[in-house]
C-alpha atoms as a PDB file:
ATOM      1  CA  UNK A   1       0.000   0.000   0.000  1.00  0.00           C
ATOM      2  CA  UNK A   2       1.392   3.407  -0.971  1.00  0.00           C
ATOM      3  CA  UNK A   3       0.098   6.905  -1.800  1.00  0.00           C
ATOM      4  CA  UNK A   4      -1.018   7.762  -5.331  1.00  0.00           C
ATOM      5  CA  UNK A   5       1.978  10.124  -5.603  1.00  0.00           C
ATOM      6  CA  UNK A   6       4.308   7.071  -5.652  1.00  0.00           C
ATOM      7  CA  UNK A   7       2.596   5.416  -8.660  1.00  0.00           C
ATOM      8  CA  UNK A   8       3.698   6.045 -12.251  1.00  0.00           C
ATOM      9  CA  UNK A   9       1.394   7.154 -15.029  1.00  0.00           C
ATOM     10  CA  UNK A  10      -0.404   4.387 -16.894  1.00  0.00           C
ATOM     11  CA  UNK A  11      -0.891   2.115 -13.871  1.00  0.00           C
ATOM     12  CA  UNK A  12      -4.253   0.867 -12.594  1.00  0.00           C
ATOM     13  CA  UNK A  13      -4.728   0.803  -8.838  1.00  0.00           C
ATOM     14  CA  UNK A  14      -7.372   0.051  -6.228  1.00  0.00           C
ATOM     15  CA  UNK A  15      -8.103   2.553  -3.469  1.00  0.00           C
ATOM     16  CA  UNK A  16      -7.380   0.969  -0.083  1.00  0.00           C
ATOM     17  CA  UNK A  17      -7.531   3.848   2.392  1.00  0.00           C
ATOM     18  CA  UNK A  18      -8.302   7.577   2.513  1.00  0.00           C
ATOM     19  CA  UNK A  19      -6.704   9.724   5.211  1.00  0.00           C
ATOM     20  CA  UNK A  20      -8.584  12.900   6.028  1.00  0.00           C
ATOM     21  CA  UNK A  21     -11.484  14.562   7.736  1.00  0.00           C
ATOM     22  CA  UNK A  22     -15.130  14.740   6.746  1.00  0.00           C
ATOM     23  CA  UNK A  23     -14.665  17.536   4.186  1.00  0.00           C
ATOM     24  CA  UNK A  24     -11.842  15.638   2.473  1.00  0.00           C
ATOM     25  CA  UNK A  25     -13.793  12.379   2.425  1.00  0.00           C
ATOM     26  CA  UNK A  26     -16.952  14.078   1.124  1.00  0.00           C
ATOM     27  CA  UNK A  27     -15.011  15.774  -1.665  1.00  0.00           C
ATOM     28  CA  UNK A  28     -13.484  12.490  -2.824  1.00  0.00           C
ATOM     29  CA  UNK A  29     -16.803  10.677  -2.506  1.00  0.00           C
ATOM     30  CA  UNK A  30     -18.361  13.266  -4.846  1.00  0.00           C
ATOM     31  CA  UNK A  31     -15.638  12.391  -7.387  1.00  0.00           C
ATOM     32  CA  UNK A  32     -16.391   8.674  -6.986  1.00  0.00           C
ATOM     33  CA  UNK A  33     -13.138   7.925  -5.150  1.00  0.00           C
ATOM     34  CA  UNK A  34     -13.908   5.482  -2.331  1.00  0.00           C
ATOM     35  CA  UNK A  35     -12.126   2.440  -0.881  1.00  0.00           C
ATOM     36  CA  UNK A  36     -12.475  -0.368  -3.419  1.00  0.00           C
ATOM     37  CA  UNK A  37     -12.616   1.994  -6.415  1.00  0.00           C
ATOM     38  CA  UNK A  38     -10.320   1.275  -9.362  1.00  0.00           C
ATOM     39  CA  UNK A  39      -8.332   4.292 -10.569  1.00  0.00           C
ATOM     40  CA  UNK A  40      -6.086   4.850 -13.561  1.00  0.00           C
ATOM     41  CA  UNK A  41      -3.108   7.139 -13.004  1.00  0.00           C
ATOM     42  CA  UNK A  42      -3.297   9.234 -16.183  1.00  0.00           C
ATOM     43  CA  UNK A  43      -0.379  11.533 -15.304  1.00  0.00           C
ATOM     44  CA  UNK A  44       1.829  12.034 -12.290  1.00  0.00           C
ATOM     45  CA  UNK A  45       4.703  14.379 -13.011  1.00  0.00           C
ATOM     46  CA  UNK A  46       5.224  16.479  -9.896  1.00  0.00           C
ATOM     47  CA  UNK A  47       2.281  18.859 -10.395  1.00  0.00           C
ATOM     48  CA  UNK A  48      -1.373  17.905 -10.154  1.00  0.00           C
ATOM     49  CA  UNK A  49      -2.070  14.180 -10.500  1.00  0.00           C
ATOM     50  CA  UNK A  50      -4.607  13.267 -13.185  1.00  0.00           C
ATOM     51  CA  UNK A  51      -6.808  10.337 -12.125  1.00  0.00           C
ATOM     52  CA  UNK A  52      -9.186   8.335 -14.270  1.00  0.00           C
ATOM     53  CA  UNK A  53     -12.320   7.171 -12.450  1.00  0.00           C
ATOM     54  CA  UNK A  54     -14.574   5.212 -14.781  1.00  0.00           C
ATOM     55  CA  UNK A  55     -15.159   7.463 -17.807  1.00  0.00           C
ATOM     56  CA  UNK A  56     -14.222  10.638 -15.894  1.00  0.00           C
ATOM     57  CA  UNK A  57     -10.884  12.362 -15.346  1.00  0.00           C
ATOM     58  CA  UNK A  58      -9.995  14.460 -12.286  1.00  0.00           C
ATOM     59  CA  UNK A  59      -6.909  16.464 -11.405  1.00  0.00           C
ATOM     60  CA  UNK A  60      -5.981  16.489  -7.721  1.00  0.00           C
ATOM     61  CA  UNK A  61      -3.112  18.298  -6.054  1.00  0.00           C
ATOM     62  CA  UNK A  62      -0.103  16.552  -4.555  1.00  0.00           C
ATOM     63  CA  UNK A  63      -1.446  17.103  -1.002  1.00  0.00           C
ATOM     64  CA  UNK A  64      -4.694  15.301  -1.719  1.00  0.00           C
ATOM     65  CA  UNK A  65      -2.984  12.590  -3.778  1.00  0.00           C
ATOM     66  CA  UNK A  66      -0.582  11.869  -0.921  1.00  0.00           C
ATOM     67  CA  UNK A  67      -3.555  10.970   1.319  1.00  0.00           C
ATOM     68  CA  UNK A  68      -5.098   8.466  -1.114  1.00  0.00           C
ATOM     69  CA  UNK A  69      -3.510   5.074  -0.420  1.00  0.00           C
ATOM     70  CA  UNK A  70      -3.714   2.443  -3.127  1.00  0.00           C
ATOM     71  CA  UNK A  71      -2.392  -0.926  -4.227  1.00  0.00           C
ATOM     72  CA  UNK A  72      -1.484  -1.847  -7.782  1.00  0.00           C
ATOM     73  CA  UNK A  73      -3.788  -4.208  -9.646  1.00  0.00           C
END
């Protein structure tokens, strides 16, 4: 298990754990990012991390990405 920031672009991962308060968790839930969700790391180059969730794409900052813990599929 590691944070999204440690995964290279092009990998598919499963969300294992989210670290944050209610506002953080609600924000991610609205994007469809919950434990058990499969994500695609579209880009991860030091700036915002682009995540693919189903047919949608979301950019999240490094701070948020570092609190989303995943495992590679």
